[in-house]
Structures are given as structure tokens and as C-alpha cells.
N, C-alpha and C. Protein backbone atom coordinates (compact mmCIF):
# COMPACT_ATOMS: atom_id res chain seq x y z
N UNK A 1 -5.49 -21.78 -47.84
CA UNK A 1 -6.87 -22.18 -48.04
C UNK A 1 -7.02 -23.70 -47.97
N UNK A 2 -6.06 -24.43 -48.60
CA UNK A 2 -6.12 -25.89 -48.57
C UNK A 2 -6.00 -26.40 -47.14
N UNK A 3 -5.14 -25.76 -46.38
CA UNK A 3 -4.96 -26.19 -44.99
C UNK A 3 -6.21 -25.92 -44.17
N UNK A 4 -6.90 -24.85 -44.43
CA UNK A 4 -8.12 -24.50 -43.71
C UNK A 4 -9.19 -25.56 -43.95
N UNK A 5 -9.35 -25.99 -45.19
CA UNK A 5 -10.34 -27.03 -45.51
C UNK A 5 -9.97 -28.34 -44.81
N UNK A 6 -8.71 -28.68 -44.78
CA UNK A 6 -8.27 -29.90 -44.11
C UNK A 6 -8.52 -29.82 -42.61
N UNK A 7 -8.27 -28.66 -42.03
CA UNK A 7 -8.50 -28.48 -40.60
C UNK A 7 -10.00 -28.58 -40.29
N UNK A 8 -10.83 -27.95 -41.11
CA UNK A 8 -12.28 -28.00 -40.92
C UNK A 8 -12.77 -29.45 -41.04
N UNK A 9 -12.29 -30.16 -42.05
CA UNK A 9 -12.66 -31.57 -42.22
C UNK A 9 -12.21 -32.40 -41.03
N UNK A 10 -11.01 -32.17 -40.56
CA UNK A 10 -10.48 -32.90 -39.41
C UNK A 10 -11.29 -32.61 -38.16
N UNK A 11 -11.61 -31.35 -37.93
CA UNK A 11 -12.42 -30.99 -36.76
C UNK A 11 -13.81 -31.61 -36.87
N UNK A 12 -14.40 -31.57 -38.05
CA UNK A 12 -15.72 -32.18 -38.26
C UNK A 12 -15.66 -33.68 -38.00
N UNK A 13 -14.65 -34.33 -38.53
CA UNK A 13 -14.47 -35.76 -38.33
C UNK A 13 -14.31 -36.08 -36.84
N UNK A 14 -13.47 -35.35 -36.15
CA UNK A 14 -13.25 -35.58 -34.72
C UNK A 14 -14.52 -35.33 -33.91
N UNK A 15 -15.27 -34.31 -34.27
CA UNK A 15 -16.53 -34.01 -33.58
C UNK A 15 -17.51 -35.17 -33.74
N UNK A 16 -17.62 -35.67 -34.96
CA UNK A 16 -18.51 -36.81 -35.22
C UNK A 16 -18.07 -38.02 -34.43
N UNK A 17 -16.78 -38.28 -34.37
CA UNK A 17 -16.26 -39.42 -33.63
C UNK A 17 -16.56 -39.28 -32.13
N UNK A 18 -16.37 -38.10 -31.58
CA UNK A 18 -16.66 -37.87 -30.16
C UNK A 18 -18.14 -38.10 -29.89
N UNK A 19 -19.00 -37.58 -30.74
CA UNK A 19 -20.44 -37.76 -30.57
C UNK A 19 -20.80 -39.24 -30.63
N UNK A 20 -20.22 -39.96 -31.56
CA UNK A 20 -20.51 -41.39 -31.68
C UNK A 20 -20.02 -42.15 -30.45
N UNK A 21 -18.84 -41.83 -29.96
CA UNK A 21 -18.30 -42.53 -28.80
C UNK A 21 -19.14 -42.22 -27.56
N UNK A 22 -19.44 -40.96 -27.33
CA UNK A 22 -20.24 -40.57 -26.18
C UNK A 22 -21.64 -41.18 -26.28
N UNK A 23 -22.22 -41.14 -27.46
CA UNK A 23 -23.54 -41.71 -27.67
C UNK A 23 -23.57 -43.19 -27.39
N UNK A 24 -22.57 -43.92 -27.84
CA UNK A 24 -22.51 -45.36 -27.60
C UNK A 24 -22.33 -45.67 -26.12
N UNK A 25 -21.53 -44.87 -25.44
CA UNK A 25 -21.32 -45.12 -24.02
C UNK A 25 -22.59 -44.88 -23.23
N UNK A 26 -23.36 -43.87 -23.58
CA UNK A 26 -24.58 -43.61 -22.82
C UNK A 26 -25.59 -44.71 -23.03
N UNK A 27 -25.58 -45.37 -24.19
CA UNK A 27 -26.48 -46.49 -24.41
C UNK A 27 -26.07 -47.70 -23.59
N UNK A 28 -24.81 -47.76 -23.23
CA UNK A 28 -24.30 -48.92 -22.50
C UNK A 28 -24.25 -48.68 -21.00
N UNK A 29 -24.90 -47.62 -20.54
CA UNK A 29 -24.92 -47.36 -19.12
C UNK A 29 -25.51 -48.57 -18.42
N UNK A 30 -24.73 -49.14 -17.54
CA UNK A 30 -25.22 -50.33 -16.86
C UNK A 30 -25.81 -49.96 -15.52
N UNK A 31 -26.82 -50.67 -15.17
CA UNK A 31 -27.47 -50.49 -13.89
C UNK A 31 -26.93 -51.57 -12.97
N UNK A 32 -26.58 -51.18 -11.78
CA UNK A 32 -26.16 -52.16 -10.80
C UNK A 32 -27.39 -52.56 -9.99
N UNK A 33 -27.93 -53.71 -10.33
CA UNK A 33 -29.14 -54.19 -9.67
C UNK A 33 -28.82 -54.62 -8.25
N UNK A 34 -29.78 -54.37 -7.37
CA UNK A 34 -29.65 -54.81 -5.98
C UNK A 34 -30.59 -55.98 -5.77
N UNK A 35 -30.20 -56.86 -4.87
CA UNK A 35 -30.93 -58.11 -4.69
C UNK A 35 -31.30 -58.36 -3.23
N UNK A 36 -32.41 -59.05 -3.07
CA UNK A 36 -32.80 -59.65 -1.80
C UNK A 36 -32.52 -61.13 -1.96
N UNK A 37 -31.89 -61.73 -0.98
CA UNK A 37 -31.73 -63.18 -1.02
C UNK A 37 -33.05 -63.80 -0.58
N UNK A 38 -33.19 -65.08 -0.85
CA UNK A 38 -34.38 -65.80 -0.41
C UNK A 38 -34.51 -65.70 1.11
N UNK A 39 -33.40 -65.87 1.82
CA UNK A 39 -33.43 -65.81 3.28
C UNK A 39 -33.79 -64.41 3.79
N UNK A 40 -33.28 -63.37 3.13
CA UNK A 40 -33.63 -62.01 3.53
C UNK A 40 -35.13 -61.78 3.41
N UNK A 41 -35.72 -62.23 2.30
CA UNK A 41 -37.15 -62.04 2.12
C UNK A 41 -37.94 -62.83 3.15
N UNK A 42 -37.53 -64.05 3.38
CA UNK A 42 -38.21 -64.89 4.38
C UNK A 42 -38.18 -64.20 5.74
N UNK A 43 -37.02 -63.67 6.14
CA UNK A 43 -36.89 -62.98 7.41
C UNK A 43 -37.75 -61.72 7.44
N UNK A 44 -37.76 -60.97 6.34
CA UNK A 44 -38.58 -59.75 6.27
C UNK A 44 -40.06 -60.08 6.45
N UNK A 45 -40.49 -61.18 5.85
CA UNK A 45 -41.90 -61.59 5.97
C UNK A 45 -42.18 -62.02 7.41
N UNK A 46 -41.30 -62.83 7.98
CA UNK A 46 -41.49 -63.30 9.36
C UNK A 46 -41.52 -62.13 10.34
N UNK A 47 -40.70 -61.11 10.10
CA UNK A 47 -40.64 -59.94 10.97
C UNK A 47 -41.70 -58.89 10.63
N UNK A 48 -42.54 -59.22 9.66
CA UNK A 48 -43.63 -58.34 9.20
C UNK A 48 -43.11 -56.95 8.84
N UNK A 49 -41.95 -56.93 8.16
CA UNK A 49 -41.39 -55.66 7.69
C UNK A 49 -42.28 -55.10 6.59
N UNK A 50 -42.32 -53.80 6.51
CA UNK A 50 -43.18 -53.12 5.55
C UNK A 50 -42.49 -53.05 4.18
N UNK A 51 -42.64 -54.10 3.39
CA UNK A 51 -42.07 -54.16 2.05
C UNK A 51 -43.19 -54.43 1.06
N UNK A 52 -42.93 -54.12 -0.19
CA UNK A 52 -43.88 -54.40 -1.26
C UNK A 52 -43.27 -55.47 -2.15
N UNK A 53 -43.91 -56.61 -2.22
CA UNK A 53 -43.45 -57.69 -3.10
C UNK A 53 -44.25 -57.58 -4.39
N UNK A 54 -43.57 -57.21 -5.46
CA UNK A 54 -44.21 -57.00 -6.76
C UNK A 54 -43.91 -58.20 -7.64
N UNK A 55 -44.90 -59.04 -7.87
CA UNK A 55 -44.73 -60.29 -8.60
C UNK A 55 -45.13 -60.07 -10.06
N UNK A 56 -44.22 -60.40 -10.98
CA UNK A 56 -44.49 -60.18 -12.40
C UNK A 56 -44.76 -61.48 -13.15
N UNK A 57 -44.86 -62.61 -12.46
CA UNK A 57 -45.13 -63.87 -13.13
C UNK A 57 -46.42 -63.79 -13.96
N UNK A 58 -46.50 -64.60 -15.01
CA UNK A 58 -47.75 -64.68 -15.76
C UNK A 58 -48.84 -65.24 -14.84
N UNK A 59 -50.07 -64.99 -15.19
CA UNK A 59 -51.18 -65.32 -14.30
C UNK A 59 -51.24 -66.79 -13.91
N UNK A 60 -51.08 -67.69 -14.86
CA UNK A 60 -51.14 -69.12 -14.53
C UNK A 60 -50.06 -69.51 -13.53
N UNK A 61 -48.84 -69.01 -13.73
CA UNK A 61 -47.74 -69.32 -12.81
C UNK A 61 -47.99 -68.71 -11.43
N UNK A 62 -48.48 -67.48 -11.42
CA UNK A 62 -48.79 -66.83 -10.14
C UNK A 62 -49.84 -67.64 -9.39
N UNK A 63 -50.90 -68.06 -10.09
CA UNK A 63 -51.96 -68.83 -9.44
C UNK A 63 -51.46 -70.17 -8.94
N UNK A 64 -50.48 -70.73 -9.62
CA UNK A 64 -49.93 -72.02 -9.21
C UNK A 64 -49.05 -71.90 -7.97
N UNK A 65 -48.24 -70.84 -7.90
CA UNK A 65 -47.29 -70.71 -6.80
C UNK A 65 -46.82 -69.27 -6.69
N UNK A 66 -47.11 -68.65 -5.59
CA UNK A 66 -46.60 -67.30 -5.34
C UNK A 66 -46.40 -67.12 -3.84
N UNK A 67 -45.66 -66.11 -3.50
CA UNK A 67 -45.40 -65.81 -2.10
C UNK A 67 -46.58 -65.05 -1.55
N UNK A 68 -47.10 -65.52 -0.43
CA UNK A 68 -48.26 -64.89 0.17
C UNK A 68 -47.98 -63.41 0.44
N UNK A 69 -48.91 -62.56 0.02
CA UNK A 69 -48.77 -61.12 0.21
C UNK A 69 -48.19 -60.41 -1.01
N UNK A 70 -47.73 -61.18 -2.00
CA UNK A 70 -47.18 -60.56 -3.21
C UNK A 70 -48.30 -59.95 -4.04
N UNK A 71 -48.00 -58.81 -4.65
CA UNK A 71 -48.95 -58.12 -5.52
C UNK A 71 -48.73 -58.61 -6.95
N UNK A 72 -49.77 -59.17 -7.54
CA UNK A 72 -49.67 -59.71 -8.90
C UNK A 72 -49.78 -58.61 -9.95
N UNK A 73 -48.92 -58.70 -10.97
CA UNK A 73 -49.03 -57.79 -12.11
C UNK A 73 -49.25 -58.56 -13.41
N UNK A 74 -48.80 -59.80 -13.46
CA UNK A 74 -48.87 -60.65 -14.67
C UNK A 74 -48.13 -60.00 -15.84
N UNK A 75 -47.07 -59.26 -15.56
CA UNK A 75 -46.38 -58.46 -16.58
C UNK A 75 -45.24 -59.18 -17.30
N UNK A 76 -44.87 -60.35 -16.85
CA UNK A 76 -43.74 -61.05 -17.47
C UNK A 76 -44.02 -61.30 -18.95
N UNK A 77 -43.06 -61.05 -19.83
CA UNK A 77 -41.62 -60.82 -19.66
C UNK A 77 -41.21 -59.35 -19.62
N UNK A 78 -42.16 -58.44 -19.52
CA UNK A 78 -41.90 -57.00 -19.44
C UNK A 78 -41.09 -56.51 -20.64
N UNK A 79 -41.54 -56.93 -21.82
CA UNK A 79 -40.91 -56.49 -23.07
C UNK A 79 -41.73 -55.44 -23.79
N UNK A 80 -43.01 -55.64 -23.83
CA UNK A 80 -43.88 -54.80 -24.65
C UNK A 80 -44.50 -53.67 -23.82
N UNK A 81 -45.09 -52.72 -24.52
CA UNK A 81 -45.83 -51.66 -23.85
C UNK A 81 -47.02 -52.23 -23.08
N UNK A 82 -47.60 -53.30 -23.62
CA UNK A 82 -48.72 -53.96 -22.94
C UNK A 82 -48.26 -54.54 -21.60
N UNK A 83 -47.08 -55.17 -21.58
CA UNK A 83 -46.52 -55.71 -20.33
C UNK A 83 -46.28 -54.58 -19.34
N UNK A 84 -45.69 -53.50 -19.81
CA UNK A 84 -45.38 -52.37 -18.93
C UNK A 84 -46.66 -51.72 -18.39
N UNK A 85 -47.71 -51.72 -19.20
CA UNK A 85 -48.99 -51.17 -18.74
C UNK A 85 -49.52 -51.96 -17.55
N UNK A 86 -49.21 -53.25 -17.49
CA UNK A 86 -49.63 -54.08 -16.36
C UNK A 86 -48.91 -53.64 -15.09
N UNK A 87 -47.68 -53.22 -15.21
CA UNK A 87 -46.94 -52.68 -14.05
C UNK A 87 -47.53 -51.33 -13.67
N UNK A 88 -47.90 -50.55 -14.67
CA UNK A 88 -48.48 -49.22 -14.42
C UNK A 88 -49.72 -49.30 -13.53
N UNK A 89 -50.45 -50.42 -13.58
CA UNK A 89 -51.65 -50.54 -12.75
C UNK A 89 -51.31 -50.52 -11.27
N UNK A 90 -50.05 -50.76 -10.93
CA UNK A 90 -49.63 -50.77 -9.53
C UNK A 90 -48.83 -49.52 -9.14
N UNK A 91 -48.65 -48.59 -10.08
CA UNK A 91 -47.84 -47.40 -9.80
C UNK A 91 -48.38 -46.58 -8.63
N UNK A 92 -49.68 -46.45 -8.52
CA UNK A 92 -50.24 -45.68 -7.41
C UNK A 92 -49.85 -46.32 -6.09
N UNK A 93 -49.98 -47.62 -6.00
CA UNK A 93 -49.58 -48.34 -4.79
C UNK A 93 -48.09 -48.12 -4.50
N UNK A 94 -47.27 -48.17 -5.53
CA UNK A 94 -45.83 -47.97 -5.39
C UNK A 94 -45.52 -46.55 -4.93
N UNK A 95 -46.21 -45.58 -5.51
CA UNK A 95 -45.94 -44.17 -5.21
C UNK A 95 -46.51 -43.70 -3.88
N UNK A 96 -47.49 -44.43 -3.34
CA UNK A 96 -48.14 -44.02 -2.10
C UNK A 96 -47.26 -44.22 -0.87
N UNK A 97 -46.18 -44.95 -1.00
CA UNK A 97 -45.32 -45.19 0.15
C UNK A 97 -43.86 -45.11 -0.26
N UNK A 98 -43.01 -45.26 0.72
CA UNK A 98 -41.58 -45.30 0.43
C UNK A 98 -41.01 -46.67 0.79
N UNK A 99 -41.89 -47.68 0.79
CA UNK A 99 -41.46 -49.04 1.12
C UNK A 99 -40.47 -49.57 0.10
N UNK A 100 -39.61 -50.48 0.55
CA UNK A 100 -38.75 -51.21 -0.37
C UNK A 100 -39.63 -52.08 -1.26
N UNK A 101 -39.21 -52.24 -2.50
CA UNK A 101 -39.95 -53.04 -3.48
C UNK A 101 -39.07 -54.22 -3.87
N UNK A 102 -39.58 -55.42 -3.64
CA UNK A 102 -38.86 -56.62 -4.04
C UNK A 102 -39.59 -57.18 -5.27
N UNK A 103 -38.89 -57.20 -6.38
CA UNK A 103 -39.47 -57.67 -7.64
C UNK A 103 -39.28 -59.18 -7.71
N UNK A 104 -40.39 -59.87 -7.93
CA UNK A 104 -40.36 -61.33 -8.00
C UNK A 104 -40.74 -61.73 -9.42
N UNK A 105 -39.84 -62.43 -10.08
CA UNK A 105 -40.14 -62.95 -11.41
C UNK A 105 -39.86 -64.45 -11.39
N UNK A 106 -40.12 -65.15 -12.48
CA UNK A 106 -39.95 -66.60 -12.44
C UNK A 106 -38.58 -67.06 -11.94
N UNK A 107 -37.50 -66.43 -12.41
CA UNK A 107 -36.17 -66.89 -12.01
C UNK A 107 -35.26 -65.77 -11.51
N UNK A 108 -35.77 -64.56 -11.39
CA UNK A 108 -34.97 -63.45 -10.88
C UNK A 108 -33.96 -62.93 -11.87
N UNK A 109 -34.29 -63.02 -13.15
CA UNK A 109 -33.33 -62.62 -14.18
C UNK A 109 -33.85 -61.45 -15.01
N UNK A 110 -33.93 -61.63 -16.30
CA UNK A 110 -34.16 -60.54 -17.24
C UNK A 110 -35.49 -59.83 -17.03
N UNK A 111 -36.56 -60.56 -16.78
CA UNK A 111 -37.85 -59.91 -16.54
C UNK A 111 -37.80 -58.99 -15.33
N UNK A 112 -37.14 -59.44 -14.28
CA UNK A 112 -36.99 -58.62 -13.08
C UNK A 112 -36.13 -57.39 -13.38
N UNK A 113 -35.06 -57.59 -14.15
CA UNK A 113 -34.20 -56.46 -14.51
C UNK A 113 -34.96 -55.44 -15.35
N UNK A 114 -35.79 -55.92 -16.27
CA UNK A 114 -36.59 -55.00 -17.08
C UNK A 114 -37.56 -54.21 -16.20
N UNK A 115 -38.16 -54.88 -15.23
CA UNK A 115 -39.09 -54.22 -14.32
C UNK A 115 -38.36 -53.17 -13.49
N UNK A 116 -37.22 -53.53 -12.97
CA UNK A 116 -36.37 -52.63 -12.18
C UNK A 116 -36.06 -51.38 -12.99
N UNK A 117 -35.60 -51.58 -14.22
CA UNK A 117 -35.26 -50.47 -15.11
C UNK A 117 -36.49 -49.62 -15.41
N UNK A 118 -37.60 -50.27 -15.69
CA UNK A 118 -38.84 -49.56 -16.00
C UNK A 118 -39.29 -48.70 -14.82
N UNK A 119 -39.22 -49.25 -13.62
CA UNK A 119 -39.62 -48.49 -12.44
C UNK A 119 -38.68 -47.30 -12.21
N UNK A 120 -37.41 -47.47 -12.50
CA UNK A 120 -36.48 -46.34 -12.43
C UNK A 120 -36.90 -45.25 -13.41
N UNK A 121 -37.26 -45.65 -14.63
CA UNK A 121 -37.72 -44.69 -15.64
C UNK A 121 -38.98 -43.96 -15.19
N UNK A 122 -39.79 -44.63 -14.39
CA UNK A 122 -41.03 -44.04 -13.88
C UNK A 122 -40.80 -43.16 -12.66
N UNK A 123 -39.54 -43.06 -12.22
CA UNK A 123 -39.22 -42.17 -11.12
C UNK A 123 -39.12 -42.81 -9.75
N UNK A 124 -39.21 -44.13 -9.69
CA UNK A 124 -39.05 -44.81 -8.41
C UNK A 124 -37.58 -44.74 -8.01
N UNK A 125 -37.32 -44.41 -6.77
CA UNK A 125 -35.94 -44.25 -6.31
C UNK A 125 -35.22 -45.60 -6.27
N UNK A 126 -33.99 -45.59 -6.75
CA UNK A 126 -33.18 -46.80 -6.83
C UNK A 126 -32.99 -47.45 -5.46
N UNK A 127 -32.98 -46.64 -4.40
CA UNK A 127 -32.80 -47.17 -3.04
C UNK A 127 -33.91 -48.13 -2.64
N UNK A 128 -35.06 -48.02 -3.28
CA UNK A 128 -36.22 -48.84 -2.92
C UNK A 128 -36.29 -50.15 -3.69
N UNK A 129 -35.52 -50.29 -4.75
CA UNK A 129 -35.69 -51.41 -5.66
C UNK A 129 -34.74 -52.57 -5.39
N UNK A 130 -35.32 -53.77 -5.40
CA UNK A 130 -34.56 -55.00 -5.22
C UNK A 130 -35.17 -56.09 -6.09
N UNK A 131 -34.34 -57.05 -6.46
CA UNK A 131 -34.78 -58.23 -7.20
C UNK A 131 -34.60 -59.43 -6.28
N UNK A 132 -35.58 -60.31 -6.24
CA UNK A 132 -35.45 -61.53 -5.45
C UNK A 132 -34.54 -62.49 -6.20
N UNK A 133 -33.39 -62.81 -5.59
CA UNK A 133 -32.46 -63.76 -6.21
C UNK A 133 -33.16 -65.08 -6.46
N UNK A 134 -32.93 -65.64 -7.61
CA UNK A 134 -33.51 -66.92 -8.04
C UNK A 134 -35.02 -66.85 -8.26
N UNK A 135 -35.61 -65.70 -8.02
CA UNK A 135 -37.03 -65.51 -8.28
C UNK A 135 -37.93 -66.50 -7.58
N UNK A 136 -39.13 -66.67 -8.14
CA UNK A 136 -40.10 -67.59 -7.55
C UNK A 136 -39.58 -69.02 -7.57
N UNK A 137 -38.79 -69.37 -8.58
CA UNK A 137 -38.25 -70.73 -8.69
C UNK A 137 -37.40 -71.10 -7.49
N UNK A 138 -36.77 -70.12 -6.86
CA UNK A 138 -35.92 -70.40 -5.72
C UNK A 138 -36.66 -70.40 -4.39
N UNK A 139 -37.94 -70.02 -4.40
CA UNK A 139 -38.69 -69.91 -3.16
C UNK A 139 -39.10 -71.29 -2.69
N UNK A 140 -38.53 -71.72 -1.59
CA UNK A 140 -38.78 -73.07 -1.07
C UNK A 140 -39.78 -73.07 0.08
N UNK A 141 -40.02 -71.92 0.66
CA UNK A 141 -40.84 -71.85 1.86
C UNK A 141 -42.27 -71.45 1.53
N UNK A 142 -43.19 -72.15 2.10
CA UNK A 142 -44.58 -71.72 2.08
C UNK A 142 -44.82 -71.10 3.45
N UNK A 143 -44.72 -69.79 3.51
CA UNK A 143 -44.74 -69.09 4.79
C UNK A 143 -46.01 -69.39 5.58
N UNK A 144 -47.13 -69.48 4.90
CA UNK A 144 -48.39 -69.72 5.61
C UNK A 144 -48.34 -71.06 6.32
N UNK A 145 -47.92 -72.10 5.61
CA UNK A 145 -47.83 -73.42 6.22
C UNK A 145 -46.80 -73.44 7.34
N UNK A 146 -45.69 -72.74 7.13
CA UNK A 146 -44.64 -72.70 8.13
C UNK A 146 -45.16 -72.05 9.41
N UNK A 147 -45.88 -70.94 9.28
CA UNK A 147 -46.41 -70.25 10.45
C UNK A 147 -47.46 -71.12 11.13
N UNK A 148 -48.36 -71.72 10.35
CA UNK A 148 -49.38 -72.58 10.93
C UNK A 148 -48.76 -73.75 11.66
N UNK A 149 -47.72 -74.34 11.11
CA UNK A 149 -47.04 -75.47 11.74
C UNK A 149 -46.45 -75.03 13.07
N UNK A 150 -45.82 -73.87 13.10
CA UNK A 150 -45.24 -73.36 14.34
C UNK A 150 -46.33 -73.13 15.39
N UNK A 151 -47.46 -72.57 14.95
CA UNK A 151 -48.55 -72.32 15.89
C UNK A 151 -49.09 -73.64 16.45
N UNK A 152 -49.21 -74.65 15.58
CA UNK A 152 -49.68 -75.95 16.04
C UNK A 152 -48.71 -76.55 17.04
N UNK A 153 -47.42 -76.44 16.76
CA UNK A 153 -46.42 -76.98 17.67
C UNK A 153 -46.49 -76.29 19.02
N UNK A 154 -46.69 -74.97 19.05
CA UNK A 154 -46.81 -74.24 20.30
C UNK A 154 -48.04 -74.69 21.06
N UNK A 155 -49.17 -74.88 20.34
CA UNK A 155 -50.41 -75.31 20.98
C UNK A 155 -50.25 -76.70 21.56
N UNK A 156 -49.58 -77.59 20.80
CA UNK A 156 -49.35 -78.95 21.29
C UNK A 156 -48.50 -78.94 22.54
N UNK A 157 -47.49 -78.06 22.59
CA UNK A 157 -46.62 -77.95 23.74
C UNK A 157 -47.41 -77.44 24.94
N UNK A 158 -48.25 -76.44 24.73
CA UNK A 158 -49.07 -75.90 25.81
C UNK A 158 -50.04 -76.97 26.32
N UNK A 159 -50.63 -77.75 25.38
CA UNK A 159 -51.57 -78.80 25.76
C UNK A 159 -50.88 -79.85 26.61
N UNK A 160 -49.69 -80.24 26.22
CA UNK A 160 -48.98 -81.30 26.95
C UNK A 160 -48.51 -80.79 28.30
N UNK A 161 -48.28 -79.46 28.43
CA UNK A 161 -47.88 -78.91 29.72
C UNK A 161 -49.04 -78.94 30.71
N UNK A 162 -50.28 -78.86 30.19
CA UNK A 162 -51.46 -78.85 31.05
C UNK A 162 -51.75 -80.22 31.63
N UNK A 163 -51.28 -81.25 30.98
CA UNK A 163 -51.62 -82.61 31.44
C UNK A 163 -50.70 -83.12 32.49
């Protein structure tokens, strides 16, 4: 009888330990985030690839500097339910297509990772999700000005050929 109680206690203890270990490991499941480099995004924009640029910068920062064509959410830092609700306003747009989604945050770090994770929880396929490396802070190109400059240079070349 004494041995039976010891065995039951040992089995109970081991069961609890296994549950604790498994439970802790599932909480530590890491996501392997995928990234777009600044150059990749620039090339995608120049080639007019069908991508969705989801910008989570706060409104003032977005208004000050953003990539043309980016969809504003103003959800940064994506910590609270209120922040996540701002992303939810774009879920229909996200769900209506199977385009790649490039998440743009101030520096391409934790806010972008939270958005990536949140979109996964909402059922967006991992294959579609990317974070812009270095975020908006790393964006050096003003695509609109760059395109306009190229067009002007072509027009100037054509004009000089006519003379």
C-alpha cells in the first residue's frame, strides 16, 4: 500500500512536470519573421508589383513621411486592443486578395512583429507576410520624385534630340 501511494505521487508529480514543460514550450513558440529589404520594396514599386504596403506608423509620423501607396492604419505600437482594432479596419482589404503584405513600421522592429503575429492570428497566411527591414526610418527613396526626375530627364533628352 505504501508503495502504491508513492507510485501515484510520483506519477502525479511527473505528469505535472510534463504539463509545465510542454506548456512553457508552447508559450515560447517563435515565429520566423520574413523580411523585404528596402531595395526589394523599391524594385517591387518600380515594377508595379501587386503588393499591399500596410503602414502602422502613428498618424503624425505617417503624415510627415510615408511610402507612396502605403495603406495607413496608425496602429503603432500594436500593443492594445485599440491598436489592433485599427489594423482590423483593413482586414477586408487584406482578405479580398492574396497579395503579399509588407508591414511598414517606424523601424521595422517590435511593432511590425506584433502586427505580423496579429495578422497570423486573424488567419492571414504566413506566405503573404513580410516586414520592411529598417522600417520607414530606412526608406531613403521618394519614389514619386524619383519617377518624376526620370521622366523629366527623358523629356529633356527627347527635346535636345529634336534640336
